[in-house]
Amino acid sequence: MKHIPNALTLANLFCGCCALLYTFYWKPEVAALFTAASFFFDYLDGMAARALKVSSPLGKELDSLADVVSFGVVPGAMIYQLLSGEPSITAAFGGSFVEVMALPAFVLSAFSGLRLAKFNLDTRQTDYFIGLSTPACTVFVLGLALASHNDRFGLAEVIGNPWFLYSLVGLLSWLLVSEIPMFGMKVKRFDWKSNAFNLFFLGLFAVLVFFLKELAFSAIIVCYIVLSIVLKNKILGE
């Protein structure tokens, strides 16, 4: 039984690897499905560990290692593809090539790794986060990738603008390691009071999907960040 949480964490890593592969083949819809599966297993492993009352240093380290891929390398690869402007595998062989000017996208991956390492050492982040979480960052980038792929509202050219993406990498990287307290979204108990904020965001997301389609993924994270900044004192008081 004690190995069940680690098995779920490995499932998160497996799905993250698949999402990465489909991102490089520029099939963002399929990558989104695998990313959603990574989210599911990422939530489930923690819930399983609490339910089974099992935890270990191995599980903690394994969780971060899986998240580096699923919520660190994957969003970096998505921005890389947006910067490269080509829906093809980018490699140094087979007639393809590496887009050197798109490589700064992986600065986001590097800061995601730093954020996860800090999280493992930070004892404050039990009920809330300090800085933007890597899953939230991934959701934001995924929304842009899907919107660009489908040219939602004719924004593909704007989203693919290199200076916009470079600025976005810088902003997201800063948010990942910032000292801004943000709402925790973990499901620890199955009751209305402790999950009210999560349910509110789920309802808001449903409304945003109706109006914004794929961009709802990015919009909900913007709302999350703004609310966290506005309600900073409430977060710190919980």
Protein backbone atom coordinates (compact mmCIF):
# COMPACT_ATOMS: atom_id res chain seq x y z
CA MET A 1 0.00 0.00 0.00
CA LYS A 2 2.84 2.39 0.79
CA HIS A 3 3.98 2.29 -2.85
CA ILE A 4 0.64 3.45 -4.27
CA PRO A 5 1.40 7.23 -3.96
CA ASN A 6 4.79 6.75 -5.65
CA ALA A 7 3.13 4.75 -8.45
CA LEU A 8 0.71 7.64 -9.01
CA THR A 9 3.63 10.07 -9.08
CA LEU A 10 5.33 7.95 -11.72
CA ALA A 11 2.08 8.01 -13.71
CA ASN A 12 2.30 11.83 -13.55
CA LEU A 13 5.84 11.64 -14.93
CA PHE A 14 4.82 9.21 -17.68
CA CYS A 15 2.01 11.50 -18.82
CA GLY A 16 4.36 14.48 -18.68
CA CYS A 17 6.80 12.71 -21.01
CA CYS A 18 3.95 11.96 -23.42
CA ALA A 19 2.78 15.58 -23.28
CA LEU A 20 6.33 16.69 -24.08
CA LEU A 21 6.51 14.38 -27.10
CA TYR A 22 3.21 15.61 -28.54
CA THR A 23 4.26 19.20 -27.91
CA PHE A 24 7.34 18.73 -30.10
CA TYR A 25 5.12 17.19 -32.76
CA TRP A 26 2.95 20.27 -32.23
CA LYS A 27 -0.25 18.47 -31.36
CA PRO A 28 -1.26 20.70 -28.44
CA GLU A 29 -4.72 19.15 -28.05
CA VAL A 30 -3.19 15.73 -27.37
CA ALA A 31 -0.49 17.32 -25.19
CA ALA A 32 -3.29 19.03 -23.24
CA LEU A 33 -4.96 15.67 -22.54
CA PHE A 34 -1.73 14.20 -21.19
CA THR A 35 -1.12 17.36 -19.17
CA ALA A 36 -4.60 17.03 -17.68
CA ALA A 37 -3.73 13.43 -16.76
CA SER A 38 -0.54 14.70 -15.09
CA PHE A 39 -2.64 17.13 -13.03
CA PHE A 40 -4.97 14.31 -12.04
CA PHE A 41 -2.16 12.05 -10.86
CA ASP A 42 -0.37 14.97 -9.17
CA TYR A 43 -3.46 15.64 -7.05
CA LEU A 44 -4.17 11.97 -6.52
CA ASP A 45 -0.74 11.01 -5.20
CA GLY A 46 -0.97 13.54 -2.36
CA MET A 47 -4.52 12.50 -1.53
CA ALA A 48 -3.51 8.83 -1.55
CA ALA A 49 -0.54 9.52 0.73
CA ARG A 50 -2.78 11.32 3.24
CA ALA A 51 -5.51 8.69 3.07
CA LEU A 52 -3.04 5.84 3.55
CA LYS A 53 -1.04 7.84 6.11
CA VAL A 54 2.21 7.13 4.30
CA SER A 55 4.93 9.62 3.44
CA SER A 56 8.64 9.42 2.84
CA PRO A 57 11.56 11.59 1.69
CA LEU A 58 11.62 9.46 -1.47
CA GLY A 59 8.02 10.35 -2.28
CA LYS A 60 8.67 14.05 -1.75
CA GLU A 61 11.70 14.09 -4.02
CA LEU A 62 10.02 11.91 -6.64
CA ASP A 63 7.04 14.25 -6.75
CA SER A 64 9.25 17.24 -7.51
CA LEU A 65 11.23 15.33 -10.13
CA ALA A 66 8.01 14.37 -11.91
CA ASP A 67 6.73 17.95 -11.72
CA VAL A 68 9.94 19.29 -13.28
CA VAL A 69 9.02 17.41 -16.44
CA SER A 70 5.22 17.70 -16.43
CA PHE A 71 5.02 21.31 -15.25
CA GLY A 72 8.49 22.63 -16.06
CA VAL A 73 9.87 21.19 -19.28
CA VAL A 74 6.45 20.88 -20.96
CA PRO A 75 5.48 24.60 -20.73
CA GLY A 76 9.01 25.54 -21.79
CA ALA A 77 8.64 23.30 -24.85
CA MET A 78 5.27 24.87 -25.67
CA ILE A 79 6.76 28.36 -25.64
CA TYR A 80 9.71 27.05 -27.66
CA GLN A 81 7.30 25.85 -30.35
CA LEU A 82 5.45 29.16 -30.32
CA LEU A 83 8.75 31.01 -30.74
CA SER A 84 10.04 28.69 -33.45
CA GLY A 85 6.87 29.18 -35.46
CA GLU A 86 7.07 25.68 -36.95
CA PRO A 87 4.79 22.75 -36.11
CA SER A 88 7.58 20.23 -36.51
CA ILE A 89 10.06 18.26 -34.45
CA THR A 90 13.07 20.46 -33.81
CA ALA A 91 16.25 18.44 -33.82
CA ALA A 92 19.77 18.63 -35.13
CA PHE A 93 19.16 15.88 -37.70
CA GLY A 94 16.59 14.61 -40.19
CA GLY A 95 16.35 17.89 -42.05
CA SER A 96 15.04 19.78 -39.04
CA PHE A 97 17.00 22.29 -37.00
CA VAL A 98 17.17 23.93 -33.62
CA GLU A 99 15.71 27.43 -33.45
CA VAL A 100 18.41 29.18 -31.43
CA MET A 101 16.28 32.28 -30.92
CA ALA A 102 13.58 30.11 -29.35
CA LEU A 103 15.89 28.53 -26.76
CA PRO A 104 15.18 31.24 -24.11
CA ALA A 105 11.83 29.50 -23.69
CA PHE A 106 13.59 26.94 -21.52
CA VAL A 107 14.56 29.66 -19.03
CA LEU A 108 11.02 29.05 -17.79
CA SER A 109 11.86 25.37 -17.29
CA ALA A 110 14.99 26.30 -15.34
CA PHE A 111 13.04 28.60 -13.01
CA SER A 112 10.39 25.92 -12.60
CA GLY A 113 13.10 23.60 -11.31
CA LEU A 114 14.31 26.32 -8.94
CA ARG A 115 10.76 26.93 -7.73
CA LEU A 116 10.25 23.22 -6.99
CA ALA A 117 13.56 22.99 -5.14
CA LYS A 118 12.60 26.01 -3.01
CA PHE A 119 9.20 24.47 -2.33
CA ASN A 120 10.81 21.33 -0.90
CA LEU A 121 12.79 23.42 1.59
CA ASP A 122 10.14 26.02 2.44
CA THR A 123 8.15 25.08 5.54
CA ARG A 124 5.69 27.95 5.01
CA GLN A 125 3.93 26.43 2.01
CA THR A 126 1.58 24.03 3.75
CA ASP A 127 -1.77 25.82 3.35
CA TYR A 128 -0.80 28.31 0.64
CA PHE A 129 1.89 28.84 -1.98
CA ILE A 130 4.71 31.36 -2.02
CA GLY A 131 5.02 32.34 -5.66
CA LEU A 132 3.17 30.89 -8.64
CA SER A 133 2.96 27.11 -8.61
CA THR A 134 4.34 25.20 -11.60
CA PRO A 135 0.97 23.59 -12.44
CA ALA A 136 -0.67 27.04 -12.56
CA CYS A 137 2.12 28.30 -14.82
CA THR A 138 1.59 25.30 -17.10
CA VAL A 139 -2.16 25.95 -17.34
CA PHE A 140 -1.48 29.54 -18.39
CA VAL A 141 0.99 28.53 -21.12
CA LEU A 142 -1.26 25.72 -22.31
CA GLY A 143 -4.11 28.17 -22.87
CA LEU A 144 -1.89 30.33 -25.08
CA ALA A 145 -0.60 27.32 -27.03
CA LEU A 146 -4.12 26.05 -27.74
CA ALA A 147 -5.41 29.51 -28.64
CA SER A 148 -2.49 30.06 -31.02
CA HIS A 149 -2.90 26.65 -32.63
CA ASN A 150 -6.58 27.32 -33.36
CA ASP A 151 -6.02 31.04 -34.04
CA ARG A 152 -8.74 31.84 -31.54
CA PHE A 153 -10.08 35.37 -32.04
CA GLY A 154 -7.32 35.89 -34.61
CA LEU A 155 -4.70 36.13 -31.84
CA ALA A 156 -2.19 33.62 -33.22
CA GLU A 157 0.07 36.36 -34.58
CA VAL A 158 -0.03 38.30 -31.32
CA ILE A 159 0.66 35.22 -29.18
CA GLY A 160 3.49 34.16 -31.47
CA ASN A 161 5.21 37.55 -31.33
CA PRO A 162 8.76 36.89 -30.03
CA TRP A 163 8.91 39.96 -27.81
CA PHE A 164 5.60 39.08 -26.21
CA LEU A 165 6.84 35.54 -25.51
CA TYR A 166 10.25 36.69 -24.23
CA SER A 167 8.49 39.08 -21.86
CA LEU A 168 6.13 36.33 -20.80
CA VAL A 169 9.02 33.99 -20.00
CA GLY A 170 10.58 36.70 -17.85
CA LEU A 171 7.34 37.50 -16.03
CA LEU A 172 6.39 33.88 -15.37
CA SER A 173 9.93 33.03 -14.24
CA TRP A 174 9.81 35.89 -11.75
CA LEU A 175 6.36 34.88 -10.48
CA LEU A 176 7.54 31.30 -9.91
CA VAL A 177 10.23 32.36 -7.43
CA SER A 178 8.55 35.49 -6.08
CA GLU A 179 7.50 35.96 -2.44
CA ILE A 180 3.86 36.62 -3.37
CA PRO A 181 1.53 34.44 -1.25
CA MET A 182 -1.04 32.65 -3.41
CA PHE A 183 -4.03 30.51 -2.61
CA GLY A 184 -3.38 26.80 -2.16
CA MET A 185 -5.61 24.64 -4.33
CA LYS A 186 -5.02 21.26 -2.70
CA VAL A 187 -8.04 19.13 -1.83
CA LYS A 188 -7.38 18.01 1.74
CA ARG A 189 -10.92 17.33 2.92
CA PHE A 190 -14.19 16.59 1.17
CA ASP A 191 -16.42 19.31 2.57
CA TRP A 192 -17.91 22.53 1.25
CA LYS A 193 -16.09 24.97 3.54
CA SER A 194 -12.55 23.80 2.81
CA ASN A 195 -13.22 23.53 -0.93
CA ALA A 196 -15.32 26.68 -1.42
CA PHE A 197 -12.50 28.58 -3.13
CA ASN A 198 -11.74 25.66 -5.46
CA LEU A 199 -15.41 25.31 -6.39
CA PHE A 200 -15.67 29.05 -7.01
CA PHE A 201 -12.75 28.87 -9.43
CA LEU A 202 -14.22 25.83 -11.13
CA GLY A 203 -17.47 27.72 -11.72
CA LEU A 204 -15.60 30.81 -12.94
CA PHE A 205 -13.56 28.64 -15.30
CA ALA A 206 -16.74 27.15 -16.78
CA VAL A 207 -18.05 30.66 -17.49
CA LEU A 208 -14.75 31.73 -19.03
CA VAL A 209 -14.66 28.65 -21.27
CA PHE A 210 -18.07 29.63 -22.67
CA PHE A 211 -16.82 33.08 -23.69
CA LEU A 212 -13.09 32.62 -24.26
CA LYS A 213 -12.75 28.95 -25.32
CA GLU A 214 -9.08 27.87 -25.02
CA LEU A 215 -8.01 31.25 -23.65
CA ALA A 216 -10.02 30.46 -20.51
CA PHE A 217 -7.04 28.43 -19.26
CA SER A 218 -4.84 31.53 -19.32
CA ALA A 219 -7.58 33.85 -18.08
CA ILE A 220 -8.36 31.76 -15.00
CA ILE A 221 -4.70 31.88 -13.94
CA VAL A 222 -4.66 35.66 -14.36
CA CYS A 223 -7.73 35.82 -12.11
CA TYR A 224 -6.01 33.53 -9.62
CA ILE A 225 -2.89 35.71 -9.48
CA VAL A 226 -4.85 38.97 -9.17
CA LEU A 227 -7.12 37.58 -6.44
CA SER A 228 -4.09 36.25 -4.56
CA ILE A 229 -2.46 39.68 -4.61
CA VAL A 230 -5.65 41.50 -3.60
CA LEU A 231 -6.47 39.01 -0.82
CA LYS A 232 -2.89 38.67 0.43
CA ASN A 233 -3.84 39.34 4.05
CA LYS A 234 -6.58 36.72 3.96
CA ILE A 235 -4.14 34.12 2.62
CA LEU A 236 -1.55 34.86 5.30
CA GLY A 237 -4.24 34.77 7.99
CA GLU A 238 -5.43 31.27 7.11
